[in-house]
PDB file of N, CA and C in Angstrom:
ATOM      1  N   UNK A   1     -14.566 227.757 144.591  1.00  0.00           N
ATOM      2  CA  UNK A   1     -14.936 229.118 144.869  1.00  0.00           C
ATOM      3  C   UNK A   1     -14.945 229.911 143.642  1.00  0.00           C
ATOM      4  N   UNK A   2     -15.881 230.213 142.971  1.00  0.00           N
ATOM      5  CA  UNK A   2     -16.059 230.884 141.567  1.00  0.00           C
ATOM      6  C   UNK A   2     -16.002 232.355 142.198  1.00  0.00           C
ATOM      7  N   UNK A   3     -16.297 232.614 143.460  1.00  0.00           N
ATOM      8  CA  UNK A   3     -16.575 234.521 143.340  1.00  0.00           C
ATOM      9  C   UNK A   3     -15.125 234.606 143.640  1.00  0.00           C
ATOM     10  N   UNK A   4     -14.495 235.867 142.995  1.00  0.00           N
ATOM     11  CA  UNK A   4     -13.315 236.477 142.957  1.00  0.00           C
ATOM     12  C   UNK A   4     -13.657 237.293 144.167  1.00  0.00           C
ATOM     13  N   UNK A   5     -14.544 237.623 144.674  1.00  0.00           N
ATOM     14  CA  UNK A   5     -14.353 238.755 146.113  1.00  0.00           C
ATOM     15  C   UNK A   5     -14.035 237.873 147.156  1.00  0.00           C
ATOM     16  N   UNK A   6     -14.169 236.394 147.467  1.00  0.00           N
ATOM     17  CA  UNK A   6     -13.659 235.980 148.208  1.00  0.00           C
ATOM     18  C   UNK A   6     -12.193 235.388 148.130  1.00  0.00           C
ATOM     19  N   UNK A   7     -11.269 235.536 148.972  1.00  0.00           N
ATOM     20  CA  UNK A   7     -10.169 235.246 149.005  1.00  0.00           C
ATOM     21  C   UNK A   7      -9.728 234.052 149.311  1.00  0.00           C
ATOM     22  N   UNK A   8      -8.844 233.252 149.119  1.00  0.00           N
ATOM     23  CA  UNK A   8      -8.327 231.796 149.210  1.00  0.00           C
ATOM     24  C   UNK A   8      -7.294 231.838 150.265  1.00  0.00           C
ATOM     25  N   UNK A   9      -6.785 233.233 150.623  1.00  0.00           N
ATOM     26  CA  UNK A   9      -5.679 232.937 151.722  1.00  0.00           C
ATOM     27  C   UNK A   9      -6.044 232.266 153.130  1.00  0.00           C
ATOM     28  N   UNK A  10      -5.200 231.992 153.998  1.00  0.00           N
ATOM     29  CA  UNK A  10      -5.454 231.680 155.244  1.00  0.00           C
ATOM     30  C   UNK A  10      -5.944 232.566 155.914  1.00  0.00           C
ATOM     31  N   UNK A  11      -6.742 232.676 157.056  1.00  0.00           N
ATOM     32  CA  UNK A  11      -7.198 233.820 158.062  1.00  0.00           C
ATOM     33  C   UNK A  11      -7.212 233.029 159.334  1.00  0.00           C
ATOM     34  N   UNK A  12      -7.040 234.117 160.216  1.00  0.00           N
ATOM     35  CA  UNK A  12      -7.183 233.844 161.469  1.00  0.00           C
ATOM     36  C   UNK A  12      -6.227 232.605 161.806  1.00  0.00           C
ATOM     37  N   UNK A  13      -6.850 231.521 162.835  1.00  0.00           N
ATOM     38  CA  UNK A  13      -5.968 230.638 163.451  1.00  0.00           C
ATOM     39  C   UNK A  13      -4.896 229.899 162.075  1.00  0.00           C
ATOM     40  N   UNK A  14      -5.554 229.514 161.234  1.00  0.00           N
ATOM     41  CA  UNK A  14      -4.844 228.946 160.195  1.00  0.00           C
ATOM     42  C   UNK A  14      -3.581 229.845 159.337  1.00  0.00           C
ATOM     43  N   UNK A  15      -3.781 231.191 159.505  1.00  0.00           N
ATOM     44  CA  UNK A  15      -3.014 231.852 159.069  1.00  0.00           C
ATOM     45  C   UNK A  15      -1.381 231.999 160.062  1.00  0.00           C
ATOM     46  N   UNK A  16      -1.381 231.195 161.230  1.00  0.00           N
ATOM     47  CA  UNK A  16      -0.180 231.272 161.914  1.00  0.00           C
ATOM     48  C   UNK A  16       0.492 230.191 161.729  1.00  0.00           C
ATOM     49  N   UNK A  17       1.852 230.588 162.642  1.00  0.00           N
ATOM     50  CA  UNK A  17       2.481 229.569 162.421  1.00  0.00           C
ATOM     51  C   UNK A  17       2.454 228.160 163.497  1.00  0.00           C
ATOM     52  N   UNK A  18       2.732 227.414 163.155  1.00  0.00           N
ATOM     53  CA  UNK A  18       2.388 226.200 163.741  1.00  0.00           C
ATOM     54  C   UNK A  18       2.990 226.406 165.293  1.00  0.00           C
ATOM     55  N   UNK A  19       3.830 226.565 165.231  1.00  0.00           N
ATOM     56  CA  UNK A  19       4.137 227.304 166.909  1.00  0.00           C
ATOM     57  C   UNK A  19       3.226 228.207 167.615  1.00  0.00           C
ATOM     58  N   UNK A  20       2.805 229.081 166.989  1.00  0.00           N
ATOM     59  CA  UNK A  20       2.023 229.673 167.651  1.00  0.00           C
ATOM     60  C   UNK A  20       0.341 229.551 167.711  1.00  0.00           C
ATOM     61  N   UNK A  21       0.181 228.154 166.898  1.00  0.00           N
ATOM     62  CA  UNK A  21      -0.987 227.692 166.816  1.00  0.00           C
ATOM     63  C   UNK A  21      -0.746 226.635 168.131  1.00  0.00           C
ATOM     64  N   UNK A  22       0.340 226.150 168.189  1.00  0.00           N
ATOM     65  CA  UNK A  22       0.577 224.912 169.620  1.00  0.00           C
ATOM     66  C   UNK A  22       0.588 225.817 170.660  1.00  0.00           C
ATOM     67  N   UNK A  23       1.118 226.805 170.792  1.00  0.00           N
ATOM     68  CA  UNK A  23       0.833 227.780 171.994  1.00  0.00           C
ATOM     69  C   UNK A  23      -0.409 228.204 172.346  1.00  0.00           C
ATOM     70  N   UNK A  24      -1.043 228.505 171.529  1.00  0.00           N
ATOM     71  CA  UNK A  24      -2.645 228.929 171.977  1.00  0.00           C
ATOM     72  C   UNK A  24      -3.761 227.524 172.226  1.00  0.00           C
ATOM     73  N   UNK A  25      -3.002 226.836 171.609  1.00  0.00           N
ATOM     74  CA  UNK A  25      -3.983 225.587 171.771  1.00  0.00           C
ATOM     75  C   UNK A  25      -3.524 224.643 173.255  1.00  0.00           C
ATOM     76  N   UNK A  26      -2.210 224.880 173.529  1.00  0.00           N
ATOM     77  CA  UNK A  26      -1.977 224.602 174.976  1.00  0.00           C
ATOM     78  C   UNK A  26      -2.530 225.177 175.993  1.00  0.00           C
ATOM     79  N   UNK A  27      -2.441 226.855 175.977  1.00  0.00           N
ATOM     80  CA  UNK A  27      -3.193 227.685 176.821  1.00  0.00           C
ATOM     81  C   UNK A  27      -4.623 227.514 177.045  1.00  0.00           C
ATOM     82  N   UNK A  28      -5.389 226.970 175.927  1.00  0.00           N
ATOM     83  CA  UNK A  28      -6.752 226.768 175.641  1.00  0.00           C
ATOM     84  C   UNK A  28      -6.995 225.267 176.879  1.00  0.00           C
ATOM     85  N   UNK A  29      -5.933 224.188 176.689  1.00  0.00           N
ATOM     86  CA  UNK A  29      -6.094 223.087 177.389  1.00  0.00           C
ATOM     87  C   UNK A  29      -6.044 223.262 178.842  1.00  0.00           C
ATOM     88  N   UNK A  30      -4.894 224.043 179.152  1.00  0.00           N
ATOM     89  CA  UNK A  30      -4.716 223.937 180.423  1.00  0.00           C
ATOM     90  C   UNK A  30      -5.782 224.852 181.213  1.00  0.00           C
ATOM     91  N   UNK A  31      -6.492 225.857 180.302  1.00  0.00           N
ATOM     92  CA  UNK A  31      -7.459 226.687 180.807  1.00  0.00           C
ATOM     93  C   UNK A  31      -8.782 225.429 181.259  1.00  0.00           C
ATOM     94  N   UNK A  32      -9.167 224.575 180.358  1.00  0.00           N
ATOM     95  CA  UNK A  32     -10.200 223.781 180.327  1.00  0.00           C
ATOM     96  C   UNK A  32      -9.707 222.583 181.704  1.00  0.00           C
ATOM     97  N   UNK A  33      -8.962 222.193 181.752  1.00  0.00           N
ATOM     98  CA  UNK A  33      -8.370 221.518 182.953  1.00  0.00           C
ATOM     99  C   UNK A  33      -8.727 222.118 184.307  1.00  0.00           C
ATOM    100  N   UNK A  34      -8.049 223.397 184.330  1.00  0.00           N
ATOM    101  CA  UNK A  34      -8.248 224.331 185.705  1.00  0.00           C
ATOM    102  C   UNK A  34      -9.530 224.732 185.678  1.00  0.00           C
ATOM    103  N   UNK A  35     -10.469 224.695 184.788  1.00  0.00           N
ATOM    104  CA  UNK A  35     -11.892 225.276 184.953  1.00  0.00           C
ATOM    105  C   UNK A  35     -12.630 223.910 185.484  1.00  0.00           C
ATOM    106  N   UNK A  36     -11.865 222.762 185.309  1.00  0.00           N
ATOM    107  CA  UNK A  36     -13.036 221.570 185.490  1.00  0.00           C
ATOM    108  C   UNK A  36     -13.587 220.754 183.977  1.00  0.00           C
ATOM    109  N   UNK A  37     -13.512 221.521 183.052  1.00  0.00           N
ATOM    110  CA  UNK A  37     -14.599 220.932 182.090  1.00  0.00           C
ATOM    111  C   UNK A  37     -13.775 220.183 180.641  1.00  0.00           C
ATOM    112  N   UNK A  38     -12.254 220.041 181.233  1.00  0.00           N
ATOM    113  CA  UNK A  38     -11.586 219.047 180.202  1.00  0.00           C
ATOM    114  C   UNK A  38     -12.180 217.339 180.486  1.00  0.00           C
ATOM    115  N   UNK A  39     -11.500 217.033 179.687  1.00  0.00           N
ATOM    116  CA  UNK A  39     -11.990 214.935 179.786  1.00  0.00           C
ATOM    117  C   UNK A  39     -10.634 214.556 179.476  1.00  0.00           C
ATOM    118  N   UNK A  40     -10.249 213.533 180.333  1.00  0.00           N
ATOM    119  CA  UNK A  40      -8.931 212.844 180.001  1.00  0.00           C
ATOM    120  C   UNK A  40      -9.538 211.233 179.833  1.00  0.00           C
ATOM    121  N   UNK A  41      -9.182 210.831 179.011  1.00  0.00           N
ATOM    122  CA  UNK A  41      -9.318 209.334 179.199  1.00  0.00           C
ATOM    123  C   UNK A  41      -8.736 208.515 179.755  1.00  0.00           C
ATOM    124  N   UNK A  42      -9.127 207.460 180.609  1.00  0.00           N
ATOM    125  CA  UNK A  42      -8.348 206.448 181.481  1.00  0.00           C
ATOM    126  C   UNK A  42      -8.046 205.382 180.430  1.00  0.00           C
ATOM    127  N   UNK A  43      -6.725 204.842 180.744  1.00  0.00           N
ATOM    128  CA  UNK A  43      -6.645 203.580 179.854  1.00  0.00           C
ATOM    129  C   UNK A  43      -7.597 202.424 179.695  1.00  0.00           C
ATOM    130  N   UNK A  44      -8.289 202.660 180.384  1.00  0.00           N
ATOM    131  CA  UNK A  44      -9.660 201.425 180.432  1.00  0.00           C
ATOM    132  C   UNK A  44     -10.571 202.197 179.356  1.00  0.00           C
ATOM    133  N   UNK A  45     -11.015 203.490 179.486  1.00  0.00           N
ATOM    134  CA  UNK A  45     -11.671 203.986 178.778  1.00  0.00           C
ATOM    135  C   UNK A  45     -11.697 204.098 176.892  1.00  0.00           C
ATOM    136  N   UNK A  46     -10.064 204.594 177.122  1.00  0.00           N
ATOM    137  CA  UNK A  46      -9.473 204.734 175.434  1.00  0.00           C
ATOM    138  C   UNK A  46      -9.386 202.978 175.066  1.00  0.00           C
ATOM    139  N   UNK A  47      -9.521 202.238 176.140  1.00  0.00           N
ATOM    140  CA  UNK A  47      -9.597 200.591 175.413  1.00  0.00           C
ATOM    141  C   UNK A  47     -10.587 200.514 174.740  1.00  0.00           C
ATOM    142  N   UNK A  48     -11.905 200.412 175.653  1.00  0.00           N
ATOM    143  CA  UNK A  48     -13.246 200.528 175.442  1.00  0.00           C
ATOM    144  C   UNK A  48     -13.821 201.301 173.860  1.00  0.00           C
ATOM    145  N   UNK A  49     -13.076 202.560 173.719  1.00  0.00           N
ATOM    146  CA  UNK A  49     -13.426 203.280 172.681  1.00  0.00           C
ATOM    147  C   UNK A  49     -13.150 203.149 171.264  1.00  0.00           C
ATOM    148  N   UNK A  50     -11.706 202.567 171.345  1.00  0.00           N
ATOM    149  CA  UNK A  50     -10.810 201.894 170.573  1.00  0.00           C
ATOM    150  C   UNK A  50     -11.956 200.377 170.169  1.00  0.00           C
ATOM    151  N   UNK A  51     -11.852 199.701 170.865  1.00  0.00           N
ATOM    152  CA  UNK A  51     -12.917 198.442 170.589  1.00  0.00           C
ATOM    153  C   UNK A  51     -14.255 198.963 169.926  1.00  0.00           C
ATOM    154  N   UNK A  52     -14.718 200.034 170.465  1.00  0.00           N
ATOM    155  CA  UNK A  52     -16.237 200.228 169.616  1.00  0.00           C
ATOM    156  C   UNK A  52     -15.765 200.580 168.262  1.00  0.00           C
ATOM    157  N   UNK A  53     -15.095 201.520 167.959  1.00  0.00           N
ATOM    158  CA  UNK A  53     -14.821 202.039 166.795  1.00  0.00           C
ATOM    159  C   UNK A  53     -14.219 201.049 166.022  1.00  0.00           C
ATOM    160  N   UNK A  54     -13.341 200.176 166.285  1.00  0.00           N
ATOM    161  CA  UNK A  54     -12.850 198.659 165.935  1.00  0.00           C
ATOM    162  C   UNK A  54     -13.998 197.930 165.204  1.00  0.00           C
ATOM    163  N   UNK A  55     -14.917 197.837 166.188  1.00  0.00           N
ATOM    164  CA  UNK A  55     -16.120 196.924 165.716  1.00  0.00           C
ATOM    165  C   UNK A  55     -16.943 197.692 164.709  1.00  0.00           C
ATOM    166  N   UNK A  56     -16.975 198.717 164.686  1.00  0.00           N
ATOM    167  CA  UNK A  56     -17.885 199.593 163.488  1.00  0.00           C
ATOM    168  C   UNK A  56     -17.194 199.466 162.636  1.00  0.00           C
ATOM    169  N   UNK A  57     -16.187 199.319 162.351  1.00  0.00           N
ATOM    170  CA  UNK A  57     -15.294 199.903 161.134  1.00  0.00           C
ATOM    171  C   UNK A  57     -15.549 198.138 160.541  1.00  0.00           C
ATOM    172  N   UNK A  58     -14.925 197.179 161.397  1.00  0.00           N
ATOM    173  CA  UNK A  58     -14.674 195.577 160.753  1.00  0.00           C
ATOM    174  C   UNK A  58     -15.903 195.030 160.512  1.00  0.00           C
ATOM    175  N   UNK A  59     -17.113 195.689 160.825  1.00  0.00           N
ATOM    176  CA  UNK A  59     -18.101 194.859 160.871  1.00  0.00           C
ATOM    177  C   UNK A  59     -18.686 195.187 159.331  1.00  0.00           C
ATOM    178  N   UNK A  60     -18.343 195.899 158.612  1.00  0.00           N
ATOM    179  CA  UNK A  60     -18.621 195.855 157.138  1.00  0.00           C
ATOM    180  C   UNK A  60     -17.419 195.381 156.444  1.00  0.00           C
ATOM    181  N   UNK A  61     -17.602 194.104 156.050  1.00  0.00           N
ATOM    182  CA  UNK A  61     -16.549 193.150 155.302  1.00  0.00           C
ATOM    183  C   UNK A  61     -16.154 193.736 154.020  1.00  0.00           C
ATOM    184  N   UNK A  62     -17.198 194.334 153.105  1.00  0.00           N
ATOM    185  CA  UNK A  62     -17.082 194.984 151.733  1.00  0.00           C
ATOM    186  C   UNK A  62     -15.871 195.999 152.214  1.00  0.00           C
ATOM    187  N   UNK A  63     -15.714 197.025 153.193  1.00  0.00           N
ATOM    188  CA  UNK A  63     -15.124 197.838 153.474  1.00  0.00           C
ATOM    189  C   UNK A  63     -13.606 197.372 153.865  1.00  0.00           C
ATOM    190  N   UNK A  64     -13.707 196.653 154.663  1.00  0.00           N
ATOM    191  CA  UNK A  64     -12.531 195.986 155.166  1.00  0.00           C
ATOM    192  C   UNK A  64     -11.741 195.337 154.024  1.00  0.00           C
ATOM    193  N   UNK A  65     -12.363 194.519 152.990  1.00  0.00           N
ATOM    194  CA  UNK A  65     -11.545 194.350 152.007  1.00  0.00           C
ATOM    195  C   UNK A  65     -11.160 195.238 151.166  1.00  0.00           C
ATOM    196  N   UNK A  66     -11.648 196.290 150.932  1.00  0.00           N
ATOM    197  CA  UNK A  66     -11.446 197.397 150.095  1.00  0.00           C
ATOM    198  C   UNK A  66     -10.091 197.752 150.769  1.00  0.00           C
ATOM    199  N   UNK A  67      -9.681 197.929 151.854  1.00  0.00           N
ATOM    200  CA  UNK A  67      -8.982 198.657 152.683  1.00  0.00           C
ATOM    201  C   UNK A  67      -7.712 197.460 152.716  1.00  0.00           C
ATOM    202  N   UNK A  68      -7.876 196.303 153.130  1.00  0.00           N
ATOM    203  CA  UNK A  68      -7.038 195.377 152.400  1.00  0.00           C
ATOM    204  C   UNK A  68      -6.431 195.045 151.348  1.00  0.00           C
ATOM    205  N   UNK A  69      -6.947 195.523 150.097  1.00  0.00           N
ATOM    206  CA  UNK A  69      -6.692 195.263 148.947  1.00  0.00           C
ATOM    207  C   UNK A  69      -5.936 196.398 148.206  1.00  0.00           C
ATOM    208  N   UNK A  70      -6.214 198.007 148.942  1.00  0.00           N
ATOM    209  CA  UNK A  70      -5.724 198.785 148.522  1.00  0.00           C
ATOM    210  C   UNK A  70      -4.375 198.835 149.289  1.00  0.00           C
ATOM    211  N   UNK A  71      -4.373 198.510 150.436  1.00  0.00           N
ATOM    212  CA  UNK A  71      -2.659 197.922 151.095  1.00  0.00           C
ATOM    213  C   UNK A  71      -1.999 197.017 150.742  1.00  0.00           C
ATOM    214  N   UNK A  72      -2.284 196.078 150.302  1.00  0.00           N
ATOM    215  CA  UNK A  72      -1.782 195.162 149.364  1.00  0.00           C
ATOM    216  C   UNK A  72      -1.257 195.883 147.863  1.00  0.00           C
ATOM    217  N   UNK A  73      -1.800 196.128 147.412  1.00  0.00           N
ATOM    218  CA  UNK A  73      -1.425 197.157 145.792  1.00  0.00           C
ATOM    219  C   UNK A  73      -0.277 197.826 146.112  1.00  0.00           C
ATOM    220  N   UNK A  74      -0.642 198.516 147.178  1.00  0.00           N
ATOM    221  CA  UNK A  74       0.278 199.551 147.474  1.00  0.00           C
ATOM    222  C   UNK A  74       1.582 199.100 147.881  1.00  0.00           C
ATOM    223  N   UNK A  75       1.780 198.128 148.585  1.00  0.00           N
ATOM    224  CA  UNK A  75       3.151 197.423 149.033  1.00  0.00           C
ATOM    225  C   UNK A  75       3.527 196.628 147.820  1.00  0.00           C
ATOM    226  N   UNK A  76       2.877 196.384 146.973  1.00  0.00           N
ATOM    227  CA  UNK A  76       3.063 195.206 145.823  1.00  0.00           C
ATOM    228  C   UNK A  76       4.017 196.655 145.218  1.00  0.00           C
ATOM    229  N   UNK A  77       3.488 197.819 144.789  1.00  0.00           N
ATOM    230  CA  UNK A  77       3.971 198.774 143.894  1.00  0.00           C
ATOM    231  C   UNK A  77       5.247 199.028 144.605  1.00  0.00           C
ATOM    232  N   UNK A  78       5.220 199.436 145.932  1.00  0.00           N
ATOM    233  CA  UNK A  78       6.390 199.827 146.117  1.00  0.00           C
ATOM    234  C   UNK A  78       7.714 198.962 146.321  1.00  0.00           C
ATOM    235  N   UNK A  79       7.352 197.656 146.305  1.00  0.00           N
ATOM    236  CA  UNK A  79       8.472 196.671 146.341  1.00  0.00           C
ATOM    237  C   UNK A  79       8.933 196.882 144.674  1.00  0.00           C
ATOM    238  N   UNK A  80       8.306 196.993 143.662  1.00  0.00           N
ATOM    239  CA  UNK A  80       8.482 196.747 142.407  1.00  0.00           C
ATOM    240  C   UNK A  80       9.253 197.901 142.080  1.00  0.00           C
ATOM    241  N   UNK A  81       8.644 199.269 142.596  1.00  0.00           N
ATOM    242  CA  UNK A  81       9.589 200.526 142.601  1.00  0.00           C
ATOM    243  C   UNK A  81      11.054 200.249 143.253  1.00  0.00           C
ATOM    244  N   UNK A  82      10.877 199.581 144.077  1.00  0.00           N
ATOM    245  CA  UNK A  82      11.966 199.431 145.131  1.00  0.00           C
ATOM    246  C   UNK A  82      13.140 198.519 144.092  1.00  0.00           C
ATOM    247  N   UNK A  83      12.814 197.373 143.570  1.00  0.00           N
ATOM    248  CA  UNK A  83      13.486 196.601 142.737  1.00  0.00           C
ATOM    249  C   UNK A  83      13.919 197.401 141.567  1.00  0.00           C
ATOM    250  N   UNK A  84      12.962 197.939 141.041  1.00  0.00           N
ATOM    251  CA  UNK A  84      13.689 198.694 139.641  1.00  0.00           C
ATOM    252  C   UNK A  84      14.630 199.723 139.931  1.00  0.00           C
ATOM    253  N   UNK A  85      14.420 200.476 140.855  1.00  0.00           N
ATOM    254  CA  UNK A  85      15.495 201.181 141.319  1.00  0.00           C
ATOM    255  C   UNK A  85      17.153 200.746 141.573  1.00  0.00           C
ATOM    256  N   UNK A  86      16.838 199.443 142.520  1.00  0.00           N
ATOM    257  CA  UNK A  86      18.170 198.505 142.589  1.00  0.00           C
ATOM    258  C   UNK A  86      18.521 198.296 141.436  1.00  0.00           C
ATOM    259  N   UNK A  87      17.921 197.969 140.585  1.00  0.00           N
ATOM    260  CA  UNK A  87      18.130 197.246 139.105  1.00  0.00           C
ATOM    261  C   UNK A  87      19.055 198.679 138.123  1.00  0.00           C
ATOM    262  N   UNK A  88      18.402 199.754 138.229  1.00  0.00           N
ATOM    263  CA  UNK A  88      18.706 200.683 137.802  1.00  0.00           C
ATOM    264  C   UNK A  88      20.251 201.451 137.975  1.00  0.00           C
ATOM    265  N   UNK A  89      20.423 201.235 139.616  1.00  0.00           N
ATOM    266  CA  UNK A  89      21.562 201.521 140.089  1.00  0.00           C
ATOM    267  C   UNK A  89      22.496 200.602 140.101  1.00  0.00           C
ATOM    268  N   UNK A  90      22.343 199.262 139.896  1.00  0.00           N
ATOM    269  CA  UNK A  90      23.195 198.100 139.076  1.00  0.00           C
ATOM    270  C   UNK A  90      23.725 198.646 138.228  1.00  0.00           C
ATOM    271  N   UNK A  91      23.065 198.647 137.172  1.00  0.00           N
ATOM    272  CA  UNK A  91      23.383 198.922 135.781  1.00  0.00           C
ATOM    273  C   UNK A  91      24.412 200.093 135.643  1.00  0.00           C
ATOM    274  N   UNK A  92      24.108 201.291 136.094  1.00  0.00           N
ATOM    275  CA  UNK A  92      24.742 202.652 136.132  1.00  0.00           C
ATOM    276  C   UNK A  92      26.231 202.643 136.841  1.00  0.00           C
ATOM    277  N   UNK A  93      26.247 201.977 138.185  1.00  0.00           N
ATOM    278  CA  UNK A  93      27.522 202.365 138.890  1.00  0.00           C
ATOM    279  C   UNK A  93      27.185 200.979 139.364  1.00  0.00           C
ATOM    280  N   UNK A  94      28.989 200.212 138.977  1.00  0.00           N
ATOM    281  CA  UNK A  94      29.110 199.221 139.645  1.00  0.00           C
ATOM    282  C   UNK A  94      29.318 199.357 141.237  1.00  0.00           C
ATOM    283  N   UNK A  95      28.986 198.388 142.278  1.00  0.00           N
ATOM    284  CA  UNK A  95      29.412 198.079 143.388  1.00  0.00           C
ATOM    285  C   UNK A  95      30.822 198.408 143.686  1.00  0.00           C
ATOM    286  N   UNK A  96      31.874 197.537 142.921  1.00  0.00           N
ATOM    287  CA  UNK A  96      33.076 198.022 143.342  1.00  0.00           C
ATOM    288  C   UNK A  96      33.852 197.871 141.695  1.00  0.00           C
ATOM    289  N   UNK A  97      34.458 198.806 141.428  1.00  0.00           N
ATOM    290  CA  UNK A  97      34.842 198.820 139.976  1.00  0.00           C
ATOM    291  C   UNK A  97      36.194 197.952 139.660  1.00  0.00           C
ATOM    292  N   UNK A  98      36.775 197.748 140.837  1.00  0.00           N
ATOM    293  CA  UNK A  98      38.060 196.545 140.457  1.00  0.00           C
ATOM    294  C   UNK A  98      37.595 195.476 140.343  1.00  0.00           C
ATOM    295  N   UNK A  99      35.964 194.744 140.315  1.00  0.00           N
ATOM    296  CA  UNK A  99      35.492 193.618 140.052  1.00  0.00           C
ATOM    297  C   UNK A  99      34.962 193.509 138.955  1.00  0.00           C
ATOM    298  N   UNK A 100      35.067 194.462 137.898  1.00  0.00           N
ATOM    299  CA  UNK A 100      34.875 194.468 136.890  1.00  0.00           C
ATOM    300  C   UNK A 100      35.995 194.075 136.037  1.00  0.00           C
ATOM    301  N   UNK A 101      36.215 192.721 135.091  1.00  0.00           N
ATOM    302  CA  UNK A 101      37.300 192.689 134.297  1.00  0.00           C
ATOM    303  C   UNK A 101      37.698 193.461 133.244  1.00  0.00           C
ATOM    304  N   UNK A 102      38.712 193.816 133.153  1.00  0.00           N
ATOM    305  CA  UNK A 102      39.343 194.857 132.084  1.00  0.00           C
ATOM    306  C   UNK A 102      39.458 194.307 130.929  1.00  0.00           C
ATOM    307  N   UNK A 103      38.937 194.999 129.677  1.00  0.00           N
ATOM    308  CA  UNK A 103      39.421 194.275 128.237  1.00  0.00           C
ATOM    309  C   UNK A 103      40.521 194.244 128.407  1.00  0.00           C
ATOM    310  N   UNK A 104      40.994 193.255 127.353  1.00  0.00           N
ATOM    311  CA  UNK A 104      41.969 192.758 127.370  1.00  0.00           C
ATOM    312  C   UNK A 104      42.493 193.868 126.163  1.00  0.00           C
ATOM    313  N   UNK A 105      43.834 194.228 126.485  1.00  0.00           N
ATOM    314  CA  UNK A 105      44.417 194.867 125.393  1.00  0.00           C
ATOM    315  C   UNK A 105      44.908 194.090 124.279  1.00  0.00           C
ATOM    316  N   UNK A 106      44.731 194.488 122.654  1.00  0.00           N
ATOM    317  CA  UNK A 106      44.812 193.719 121.502  1.00  0.00           C
ATOM    318  C   UNK A 106      46.101 194.421 121.027  1.00  0.00           C
ATOM    319  N   UNK A 107      47.370 194.048 120.581  1.00  0.00           N
ATOM    320  CA  UNK A 107      48.106 194.686 119.798  1.00  0.00           C
ATOM    321  C   UNK A 107      48.274 193.630 118.906  1.00  0.00           C
ATOM    322  N   UNK A 108      49.427 194.314 118.079  1.00  0.00           N
ATOM    323  CA  UNK A 108      49.772 193.126 117.054  1.00  0.00           C
ATOM    324  C   UNK A 108      50.398 191.546 117.387  1.00  0.00           C
ATOM    325  N   UNK A 109      51.015 191.687 118.394  1.00  0.00           N
ATOM    326  CA  UNK A 109      51.684 190.258 119.156  1.00  0.00           C
ATOM    327  C   UNK A 109      50.016 189.448 119.204  1.00  0.00           C
ATOM    328  N   UNK A 110      49.092 189.902 119.526  1.00  0.00           N
ATOM    329  CA  UNK A 110      48.310 189.093 119.738  1.00  0.00           C
ATOM    330  C   UNK A 110      47.924 188.506 118.424  1.00  0.00           C
ATOM    331  N   UNK A 111      47.850 189.086 117.508  1.00  0.00           N
ATOM    332  CA  UNK A 111      46.867 188.702 116.111  1.00  0.00           C
ATOM    333  C   UNK A 111      48.052 187.334 115.793  1.00  0.00           C
ATOM    334  N   UNK A 112      47.284 186.683 114.714  1.00  0.00           N
ATOM    335  CA  UNK A 112      48.049 185.109 114.450  1.00  0.00           C
ATOM    336  C   UNK A 112      48.424 185.636 112.535  1.00  0.00           C
ATOM    337  N   UNK A 113      48.804 184.617 112.063  1.00  0.00           N
ATOM    338  CA  UNK A 113      49.052 184.943 110.299  1.00  0.00           C
ATOM    339  C   UNK A 113      47.583 185.485 109.660  1.00  0.00           C
ATOM    340  N   UNK A 114      46.685 185.083 110.022  1.00  0.00           N
ATOM    341  CA  UNK A 114      45.515 185.286 109.426  1.00  0.00           C
ATOM    342  C   UNK A 114      44.607 186.471 110.054  1.00  0.00           C
ATOM    343  N   UNK A 115      45.424 187.235 110.719  1.00  0.00           N
ATOM    344  CA  UNK A 115      44.891 188.349 111.248  1.00  0.00           C
ATOM    345  C   UNK A 115      43.714 188.346 112.704  1.00  0.00           C
ATOM    346  N   UNK A 116      43.581 187.027 112.871  1.00  0.00           N
ATOM    347  CA  UNK A 116      42.160 186.776 114.196  1.00  0.00           C
ATOM    348  C   UNK A 116      43.105 186.535 115.414  1.00  0.00           C
ATOM    349  N   UNK A 117      42.772 187.359 116.399  1.00  0.00           N
ATOM    350  CA  UNK A 117      43.253 187.211 117.714  1.00  0.00           C
ATOM    351  C   UNK A 117      43.392 185.438 118.381  1.00  0.00           C
ATOM    352  N   UNK A 118      44.229 185.336 119.119  1.00  0.00           N
ATOM    353  CA  UNK A 118      44.026 183.919 119.586  1.00  0.00           C
ATOM    354  C   UNK A 118      42.833 183.694 120.303  1.00  0.00           C
ATOM    355  N   UNK A 119      42.175 184.127 120.660  1.00  0.00           N
ATOM    356  CA  UNK A 119      40.719 183.825 121.418  1.00  0.00           C
ATOM    357  C   UNK A 119      39.464 183.473 120.607  1.00  0.00           C
ATOM    358  N   UNK A 120      40.101 183.856 119.140  1.00  0.00           N
ATOM    359  CA  UNK A 120      38.973 183.834 118.009  1.00  0.00           C
ATOM    360  C   UNK A 120      39.369 182.816 117.620  1.00  0.00           C
ATOM    361  N   UNK A 121      40.294 181.610 117.829  1.00  0.00           N
ATOM    362  CA  UNK A 121      40.421 180.662 116.896  1.00  0.00           C
ATOM    363  C   UNK A 121      39.399 179.607 117.217  1.00  0.00           C
TER     364      UNK A 121
END
C-alpha cells in the first residue's frame, strides 16, 4: 500500500469484534437453512471429500516429502529447545536445596602444623 490516501484500518465486517461477527454469521446460516439453500455434508459426503483432497495432495511426492521434512525439523527444534531450557533451570535452581552438600567450615582446628587442611594431605 504505497498510496497514503488508502487507509490500512479494518473496515466493515473485519472491524467488528469477534462476538458480533459470529452473531451475524450465525443469522446468515440460519437464514440459508430456512430458505433451503444451505448445504450440510453427510458423514459419507465428508469422508469422500476428505479422501479426494488427500489423494490430490499425497499424489505429489515432492510436496509430501517437503511437508514431512519441515515437520521433522520443527519437532527436532522443539526437543532441543525443551532440553536446553531444562538444563538452564537445573543449573540456576536446584530441585531440592537440601540435596546440595554444604561446604565444610574451615577453622583453625581443621589445619595441621603445615597449614594444610586434613583433606588435602
